[in-house]
Amino acid sequence: MALRVNTNIAALNARRHLNSNTRTLAAKQERLASGLRLNKASDDAAGLSVREGMRAELSGLKATITNAEQASNLLQTAEGSLNETNAILVRMRELAAQSGNSTFTDNNREALQGEFSQLMGEIDRIAAATTYNNQTLLTGYGNTVDGASTAVTASNTSGVTSISISGAQTGTYTFEDTGSDGNITLGNGTVSQTISIGTILDGSVIATGTQFVANFDRLGVQVTLAGASVAGATGSYTDGDLDGQNITVNSGTGGSFQVGPSDRAYNRLEVSISDMRASGTTLNLNSTSIATITTARTALTSIDQAIGAVAKQRGTLGAFQNRLGFAVAYTENEVENIQASESAISDADIASEVSDFTRSQILSQAATAMLAQANVLPQNALALLQ
């Protein structure tokens, strides 16, 4: 190498390596200080894009876990109140049974009627007072089936014992039920679904003493059809009975729980709670009385039906709570695994970073020493001038 004074190539080379080592050392210090491998986009542009998408997804999933847990708390609040309603109905049945006995006089029945009326009033008060975050739960919560739907009013001919909804949109749903083909179609003008019940039918009817749930899962509607001699049923189903009948779903307040991270129907859980007041259409106890022996005996049937309705509603709420429990469990598993992937992209490997930091620190010190030596080299030219 030629001896030059104006341009010190050795110093430039040492300075270049020193700058490179200093930049690496600064990057390693940043990673060790933050614990992150990715602190800015230039660290890993593609990795940053993937990480931010995962972070957004994780944020949504964590929020839905909270949603599902709070939804379960809401449903448990409603179910707990219905437990007390059930206890009240049991006591009312006991009073009706006592009043229906000839050993009691009408004067005795006045006292029984007084307690009976108070208990009905308490059922109404519980329904009105059961709230969650200022939302009343037991006077009709979520979308509900209109009692004027022909599938409900004509149940004595079609054998429909109950209609429940889960995620059903508001509007009118109409049945197409051609006799003898073993199929039932239900649609709302936009979406329709056909299910086959041919294997369930005994000829053209639901078998005596049995019931069948026609689950239109795409629509969120479940229709229970009864055969002859089913307790509580006022009719029985024969293939073709539902043709032209309709179900109207009315819009209600609340009842829609976001249990998934995106705007999709399968990420929402729709729950409806009937009007559980004694004076409501579900329990329908407003006209019951035990003031006479005749009305007391008639009240027994009405109360039994009310007890069944409360038990059915509690069972529905319990089923939804179990479903929410599974939703939380699988979402927590999803969060754990996505978080692991996000960590692999984002977090610093401390052992590796410390090793690289130490190496860069030693190289920086060595480059500094060599720069000092390189700056001395041009002085050799002075020896030629002596």
Protein backbone atom coordinates (compact mmCIF):
# COMPACT_ATOMS: atom_id res chain seq x y z
CA MET A 1 0.00 0.00 0.00
CA ALA A 2 1.33 3.42 -0.95
CA LEU A 3 2.15 5.87 1.84
CA ARG A 4 -0.33 8.76 1.57
CA VAL A 5 -0.96 11.80 3.71
CA ASN A 6 -4.11 13.36 2.20
CA THR A 7 -6.23 10.20 2.25
CA ASN A 8 -5.88 7.72 5.11
CA ILE A 9 -7.42 4.56 3.68
CA ALA A 10 -6.71 2.51 6.80
CA ALA A 11 -8.51 5.07 8.96
CA LEU A 12 -11.49 5.11 6.62
CA ASN A 13 -11.65 1.33 6.74
CA ALA A 14 -11.43 1.24 10.52
CA ARG A 15 -14.06 3.99 10.79
CA ARG A 16 -16.43 2.09 8.48
CA HIS A 17 -16.18 -1.02 10.63
CA LEU A 18 -16.54 1.06 13.77
CA ASN A 19 -19.74 2.68 12.45
CA SER A 20 -21.15 -0.71 11.46
CA ASN A 21 -20.37 -2.19 14.87
CA THR A 22 -21.82 0.87 16.62
CA ARG A 23 -25.10 0.57 14.68
CA THR A 24 -25.33 -3.13 15.51
CA LEU A 25 -24.53 -2.38 19.15
CA ALA A 26 -27.28 0.28 19.28
CA ALA A 27 -29.81 -2.14 17.76
CA LYS A 28 -28.91 -4.84 20.28
CA GLN A 29 -29.18 -2.36 23.15
CA GLU A 30 -32.64 -1.32 21.93
CA ARG A 31 -33.81 -4.92 21.76
CA LEU A 32 -32.43 -5.78 25.17
CA ALA A 33 -33.97 -2.64 26.68
CA SER A 34 -37.43 -3.23 25.16
CA GLY A 35 -37.44 -7.03 25.10
CA LEU A 36 -38.72 -6.84 21.52
CA ARG A 37 -37.06 -8.01 18.34
CA LEU A 38 -39.39 -5.76 16.36
CA ASN A 39 -39.26 -2.15 17.53
CA LYS A 40 -39.74 -0.43 14.18
CA ALA A 41 -40.75 -1.42 10.69
CA SER A 42 -37.16 -1.50 9.41
CA ASP A 43 -36.36 -4.33 11.85
CA ASP A 44 -38.60 -6.71 9.86
CA ALA A 45 -41.12 -5.13 7.49
CA ALA A 46 -42.94 -8.37 6.62
CA GLY A 47 -42.91 -9.56 10.23
CA LEU A 48 -44.34 -6.24 11.40
CA SER A 49 -47.29 -6.61 9.01
CA VAL A 50 -48.05 -10.11 10.29
CA ARG A 51 -47.59 -9.09 13.92
CA GLU A 52 -49.97 -6.14 13.76
CA GLY A 53 -52.64 -8.34 12.17
CA MET A 54 -52.21 -10.87 14.97
CA ARG A 55 -52.36 -8.15 17.61
CA ALA A 56 -55.64 -6.88 16.18
CA GLU A 57 -57.06 -10.41 16.16
CA LEU A 58 -55.88 -11.04 19.72
CA SER A 59 -57.48 -7.81 20.88
CA GLY A 60 -60.82 -8.89 19.44
CA LEU A 61 -60.56 -12.42 20.87
CA LYS A 62 -59.76 -11.15 24.37
CA ALA A 63 -62.74 -8.79 24.19
CA THR A 64 -65.05 -11.65 23.17
CA ILE A 65 -63.91 -13.73 26.15
CA THR A 66 -65.03 -10.89 28.39
CA ASN A 67 -68.28 -10.63 26.39
CA ALA A 68 -69.03 -14.33 26.83
CA GLU A 69 -68.27 -14.27 30.55
CA GLN A 70 -70.50 -11.24 31.07
CA ALA A 71 -73.24 -12.84 28.96
CA SER A 72 -73.06 -15.91 31.19
CA ASN A 73 -73.38 -13.66 34.24
CA LEU A 74 -76.44 -11.99 32.71
CA LEU A 75 -78.11 -15.33 31.99
CA GLN A 76 -77.29 -16.60 35.47
CA THR A 77 -78.97 -13.51 36.92
CA ALA A 78 -82.13 -14.34 34.98
CA GLU A 79 -81.98 -18.03 35.86
CA GLY A 80 -81.50 -17.28 39.55
CA SER A 81 -84.65 -15.17 39.59
CA LEU A 82 -86.57 -17.89 37.76
CA ASN A 83 -85.48 -20.32 40.47
CA GLU A 84 -87.38 -18.17 42.97
CA THR A 85 -90.31 -17.89 40.58
CA ASN A 86 -90.42 -21.68 40.46
CA ALA A 87 -90.43 -21.87 44.26
CA ILE A 88 -93.34 -19.41 44.37
CA LEU A 89 -95.29 -21.46 41.81
CA VAL A 90 -94.76 -24.61 43.88
CA ARG A 91 -96.21 -22.81 46.90
CA MET A 92 -99.13 -21.52 44.79
CA ARG A 93 -99.83 -25.09 43.68
CA GLU A 94 -99.83 -26.21 47.28
CA LEU A 95 -102.37 -23.50 48.13
CA ALA A 96 -104.53 -24.49 45.13
CA ALA A 97 -104.45 -28.13 46.21
CA GLN A 98 -105.52 -27.17 49.73
CA SER A 99 -108.27 -24.91 48.45
CA GLY A 100 -109.58 -27.68 46.21
CA ASN A 101 -110.40 -29.84 49.23
CA SER A 102 -113.91 -29.90 50.70
CA THR A 103 -112.57 -29.67 54.23
CA PHE A 104 -112.04 -25.95 53.59
CA THR A 105 -114.90 -23.45 53.52
CA ASP A 106 -115.09 -20.38 51.30
CA ASN A 107 -114.13 -18.31 54.33
CA ASN A 108 -111.00 -20.40 54.69
CA ARG A 109 -110.33 -19.98 51.00
CA GLU A 110 -110.36 -16.20 51.35
CA ALA A 111 -107.20 -16.43 53.46
CA LEU A 112 -105.65 -18.80 50.95
CA GLN A 113 -106.63 -16.50 48.10
CA GLY A 114 -104.98 -13.57 49.90
CA GLU A 115 -101.62 -15.35 49.97
CA PHE A 116 -102.17 -16.64 46.43
CA SER A 117 -102.67 -13.10 45.12
CA GLN A 118 -99.63 -11.83 46.98
CA LEU A 119 -97.50 -14.58 45.47
CA MET A 120 -98.67 -13.71 41.96
CA GLY A 121 -97.78 -10.10 42.65
CA GLU A 122 -94.33 -11.18 43.81
CA ILE A 123 -93.74 -13.09 40.56
CA ASP A 124 -94.51 -9.89 38.64
CA ARG A 125 -92.26 -7.87 40.96
CA ILE A 126 -89.35 -10.31 40.54
CA ALA A 127 -89.75 -10.16 36.75
CA ALA A 128 -89.70 -6.36 36.77
CA ALA A 129 -86.83 -6.13 39.27
CA THR A 130 -84.49 -8.63 37.62
CA THR A 131 -82.02 -6.39 35.80
CA TYR A 132 -78.46 -6.49 34.53
CA ASN A 133 -76.75 -3.19 33.75
CA ASN A 134 -80.16 -1.49 33.85
CA GLN A 135 -81.65 -3.99 31.36
CA THR A 136 -84.81 -5.76 32.50
CA LEU A 137 -84.49 -9.47 31.72
CA LEU A 138 -87.76 -11.22 32.57
CA THR A 139 -90.36 -9.04 30.90
CA GLY A 140 -89.24 -10.01 27.39
CA TYR A 141 -85.57 -9.91 26.41
CA GLY A 142 -84.18 -10.33 22.91
CA ASN A 143 -86.11 -11.21 19.76
CA THR A 144 -89.32 -13.09 20.48
CA VAL A 145 -91.88 -15.17 18.57
CA ASP A 146 -95.12 -13.27 18.09
CA GLY A 147 -97.98 -15.09 19.81
CA ALA A 148 -100.22 -14.20 16.85
CA SER A 149 -98.13 -16.34 14.47
CA THR A 150 -100.40 -18.87 12.78
CA ALA A 151 -97.97 -21.68 13.64
CA VAL A 152 -98.76 -20.84 17.27
CA THR A 153 -102.48 -20.12 17.03
CA ALA A 154 -103.16 -23.20 14.88
CA SER A 155 -101.13 -25.58 17.04
CA ASN A 156 -104.26 -27.56 17.88
CA THR A 157 -104.29 -28.81 14.28
CA SER A 158 -100.58 -28.87 13.41
CA GLY A 159 -99.23 -30.28 16.68
CA VAL A 160 -96.71 -27.48 17.25
CA THR A 161 -95.92 -27.58 20.97
CA SER A 162 -93.20 -24.93 21.03
CA ILE A 163 -91.18 -22.59 18.83
CA SER A 164 -87.77 -21.33 19.94
CA ILE A 165 -85.32 -19.05 18.18
CA SER A 166 -81.57 -18.69 18.34
CA GLY A 167 -80.13 -16.01 16.11
CA ALA A 168 -83.28 -15.70 14.00
CA GLN A 169 -83.62 -12.36 12.23
CA THR A 170 -86.77 -10.32 12.70
CA GLY A 171 -89.49 -10.80 10.09
CA THR A 172 -92.04 -13.34 8.93
CA TYR A 173 -91.13 -16.94 8.12
CA THR A 174 -93.52 -19.05 6.05
CA PHE A 175 -93.78 -22.84 5.85
CA GLU A 176 -94.03 -24.89 2.66
CA ASP A 177 -95.22 -28.34 3.60
CA THR A 178 -96.49 -30.45 0.73
CA GLY A 179 -98.25 -33.54 2.03
CA SER A 180 -96.73 -37.00 1.53
CA ASP A 181 -93.21 -35.84 0.54
CA GLY A 182 -91.69 -35.95 4.05
CA ASN A 183 -90.11 -32.49 3.70
CA ILE A 184 -90.71 -29.15 5.45
CA THR A 185 -89.39 -25.85 4.07
CA LEU A 186 -89.19 -22.62 6.06
CA GLY A 187 -88.11 -19.29 4.60
CA ASN A 188 -88.31 -15.54 5.10
CA GLY A 189 -88.15 -14.48 1.48
CA THR A 190 -84.37 -14.15 1.53
CA VAL A 191 -83.13 -17.42 3.00
CA SER A 192 -84.94 -20.75 3.12
CA GLN A 193 -84.12 -24.21 4.41
CA THR A 194 -85.65 -27.62 3.75
CA ILE A 195 -85.34 -30.50 6.17
CA SER A 196 -86.42 -34.08 5.69
CA ILE A 197 -88.57 -35.73 8.34
CA GLY A 198 -89.54 -38.81 6.35
CA THR A 199 -87.57 -41.15 8.61
CA ILE A 200 -89.32 -39.69 11.67
CA LEU A 201 -92.85 -40.14 10.38
CA ASP A 202 -94.96 -43.17 11.06
CA GLY A 203 -96.63 -43.22 7.68
CA SER A 204 -97.61 -39.58 7.39
CA VAL A 205 -97.80 -38.67 11.10
CA ILE A 206 -95.46 -38.23 14.03
CA ALA A 207 -95.51 -41.47 16.02
CA THR A 208 -97.97 -41.57 18.91
CA GLY A 209 -96.50 -40.32 22.17
CA THR A 210 -93.34 -38.84 20.59
CA GLN A 211 -92.10 -35.40 19.63
CA PHE A 212 -89.69 -34.18 16.95
CA VAL A 213 -87.65 -30.97 16.86
CA ALA A 214 -87.46 -29.55 13.34
CA ASN A 215 -84.22 -27.59 13.60
CA PHE A 216 -83.89 -24.95 10.88
CA ASP A 217 -80.37 -24.09 11.98
CA ARG A 218 -79.59 -21.81 9.03
CA LEU A 219 -82.52 -19.64 10.07
CA GLY A 220 -82.12 -19.99 13.82
CA VAL A 221 -85.60 -21.45 14.34
CA GLN A 222 -86.53 -24.68 16.13
CA VAL A 223 -90.07 -26.05 15.90
CA THR A 224 -91.23 -28.91 18.13
CA LEU A 225 -93.89 -31.15 16.56
CA ALA A 226 -95.93 -33.63 18.61
CA GLY A 227 -97.60 -36.89 17.79
CA ALA A 228 -100.90 -38.02 19.25
CA SER A 229 -101.25 -38.47 23.00
CA VAL A 230 -98.29 -36.23 23.91
CA ALA A 231 -98.81 -34.58 27.30
CA GLY A 232 -99.45 -30.86 26.95
CA ALA A 233 -100.05 -31.00 23.20
CA THR A 234 -103.40 -29.84 21.86
CA GLY A 235 -102.95 -31.47 18.46
CA SER A 236 -100.74 -33.83 16.47
CA TYR A 237 -98.71 -33.33 13.29
CA THR A 238 -99.58 -34.88 9.96
CA ASP A 239 -97.41 -34.33 6.89
CA GLY A 240 -98.68 -31.17 5.18
CA ASP A 241 -100.26 -29.53 8.26
CA LEU A 242 -97.80 -26.62 8.33
CA ASP A 243 -98.24 -25.53 4.73
CA GLY A 244 -98.84 -21.77 4.53
CA GLN A 245 -98.50 -21.19 8.26
CA ASN A 246 -96.07 -18.54 9.46
CA ILE A 247 -93.83 -17.54 12.33
CA THR A 248 -93.32 -13.85 13.05
CA VAL A 249 -90.17 -12.87 14.95
CA ASN A 250 -90.46 -9.51 16.69
CA SER A 251 -87.49 -7.32 17.47
CA GLY A 252 -86.64 -6.96 21.15
CA THR A 253 -84.10 -5.24 23.36
CA GLY A 254 -80.76 -6.95 23.94
CA GLY A 255 -80.14 -10.67 23.70
CA SER A 256 -77.37 -10.49 21.08
CA PHE A 257 -73.91 -11.45 22.38
CA GLN A 258 -70.75 -10.93 20.33
CA VAL A 259 -68.67 -14.04 21.10
CA GLY A 260 -66.37 -13.94 18.08
CA PRO A 261 -63.89 -11.37 16.73
CA SER A 262 -65.51 -10.60 13.35
CA ASP A 263 -68.82 -9.37 11.94
CA ARG A 264 -70.25 -12.78 11.09
CA ALA A 265 -73.52 -14.39 12.18
CA TYR A 266 -71.67 -17.40 13.60
CA ASN A 267 -69.76 -15.04 15.91
CA ARG A 268 -72.98 -13.86 17.57
CA LEU A 269 -75.16 -15.73 20.02
CA GLU A 270 -78.82 -14.71 20.09
CA VAL A 271 -80.74 -15.40 23.29
CA SER A 272 -84.39 -14.66 23.95
CA ILE A 273 -86.19 -14.74 27.31
CA SER A 274 -89.96 -14.81 27.36
CA ASP A 275 -92.16 -12.52 29.40
CA MET A 276 -92.06 -14.39 32.71
CA ARG A 277 -94.57 -12.27 34.62
CA ALA A 278 -97.52 -14.07 36.12
CA SER A 279 -99.71 -11.76 34.05
CA GLY A 280 -97.70 -12.44 30.88
CA THR A 281 -98.65 -14.71 28.02
CA THR A 282 -96.09 -17.37 28.97
CA LEU A 283 -97.27 -18.11 32.51
CA ASN A 284 -100.80 -16.78 31.90
CA LEU A 285 -101.86 -16.86 35.53
CA ASN A 286 -103.63 -13.51 35.62
CA SER A 287 -107.12 -15.02 35.69
CA THR A 288 -106.41 -17.91 38.07
CA SER A 289 -108.11 -17.95 41.44
CA ILE A 290 -108.49 -20.33 44.37
CA ALA A 291 -111.43 -18.49 45.93
CA THR A 292 -113.76 -21.40 45.21
CA ILE A 293 -113.29 -25.14 45.08
CA THR A 294 -113.96 -25.19 41.32
CA THR A 295 -111.50 -22.41 40.41
CA ALA A 296 -108.90 -23.93 42.77
CA ARG A 297 -109.00 -27.23 40.91
CA THR A 298 -108.81 -25.45 37.55
CA ALA A 299 -105.83 -23.43 38.82
CA LEU A 300 -103.87 -26.64 39.39
CA THR A 301 -103.66 -27.21 35.63
CA SER A 302 -102.68 -23.60 34.92
CA ILE A 303 -99.98 -23.65 37.58
CA ASP A 304 -98.60 -26.95 36.31
CA GLN A 305 -98.29 -25.43 32.85
CA ALA A 306 -96.59 -22.35 34.34
CA ILE A 307 -94.12 -24.53 36.25
CA GLY A 308 -93.34 -26.36 33.02
CA ALA A 309 -92.82 -23.05 31.20
CA VAL A 310 -90.44 -21.77 33.88
CA ALA A 311 -88.51 -25.05 33.86
CA LYS A 312 -88.23 -24.94 30.09
CA GLN A 313 -86.95 -21.34 30.14
CA ARG A 314 -84.44 -22.21 32.84
CA GLY A 315 -83.28 -25.20 30.82
CA THR A 316 -82.80 -22.97 27.78
CA LEU A 317 -80.76 -20.47 29.80
CA GLY A 318 -78.67 -23.29 31.25
CA ALA A 319 -77.97 -24.63 27.78
CA PHE A 320 -76.82 -21.21 26.62
CA GLN A 321 -74.57 -20.86 29.67
CA ASN A 322 -72.94 -24.20 28.87
CA ARG A 323 -72.50 -23.08 25.28
CA LEU A 324 -70.87 -19.85 26.43
CA GLY A 325 -68.53 -21.87 28.63
CA PHE A 326 -67.32 -23.82 25.61
CA ALA A 327 -67.01 -20.58 23.64
CA VAL A 328 -64.74 -19.14 26.34
CA ALA A 329 -62.65 -22.33 26.51
CA TYR A 330 -61.95 -22.58 22.78
CA THR A 331 -61.31 -18.83 22.50
CA GLU A 332 -58.78 -18.97 25.33
CA ASN A 333 -57.00 -21.79 23.50
CA GLU A 334 -57.03 -19.71 20.32
CA VAL A 335 -55.62 -16.68 22.18
CA GLU A 336 -52.84 -18.79 23.68
CA ASN A 337 -51.66 -20.14 20.34
CA ILE A 338 -51.95 -16.89 18.40
CA GLN A 339 -50.10 -15.13 21.23
CA ALA A 340 -47.32 -17.72 20.93
CA SER A 341 -47.02 -17.01 17.20
CA GLU A 342 -47.04 -13.25 17.79
CA SER A 343 -44.33 -13.67 20.42
CA ALA A 344 -42.14 -15.67 18.06
CA ILE A 345 -42.28 -12.78 15.58
CA SER A 346 -42.13 -9.87 18.00
CA ASP A 347 -40.16 -10.83 21.12
CA ALA A 348 -36.39 -10.76 21.38
CA ASP A 349 -34.40 -13.94 22.05
CA ILE A 350 -32.51 -12.56 25.03
CA ALA A 351 -29.75 -15.19 25.02
CA SER A 352 -29.04 -14.57 21.34
CA GLU A 353 -29.25 -10.78 21.72
CA VAL A 354 -26.83 -10.77 24.68
CA SER A 355 -24.34 -12.84 22.71
CA ASP A 356 -24.61 -10.49 19.71
CA PHE A 357 -24.40 -7.45 22.01
CA THR A 358 -21.20 -8.72 23.60
CA ARG A 359 -19.68 -9.49 20.20
CA SER A 360 -20.62 -6.03 18.86
CA GLN A 361 -19.24 -4.38 22.00
CA ILE A 362 -15.86 -6.13 21.63
CA LEU A 363 -15.70 -5.36 17.90
CA SER A 364 -16.53 -1.70 18.55
CA GLN A 365 -13.72 -1.43 21.09
CA ALA A 366 -11.33 -3.17 18.71
CA ALA A 367 -12.35 -0.92 15.80
CA THR A 368 -11.83 2.15 18.00
CA ALA A 369 -8.31 0.96 18.83
CA MET A 370 -7.54 0.26 15.18
CA LEU A 371 -8.84 3.69 14.17
CA ALA A 372 -6.43 5.23 16.63
CA GLN A 373 -3.58 3.19 15.12
CA ALA A 374 -4.63 4.08 11.58
CA ASN A 375 -4.58 7.78 12.44
CA VAL A 376 -0.91 7.41 13.44
CA LEU A 377 0.20 5.80 10.13
CA PRO A 378 0.51 9.07 8.11
CA GLN A 379 3.11 10.27 10.58
CA ASN A 380 5.50 7.77 9.01
CA ALA A 381 5.82 10.21 6.12
CA LEU A 382 7.71 12.61 8.43
CA ALA A 383 10.57 10.10 8.64
CA LEU A 384 11.21 10.55 4.89
CA LEU A 385 11.46 14.33 5.28
CA GLN A 386 14.26 14.20 7.81
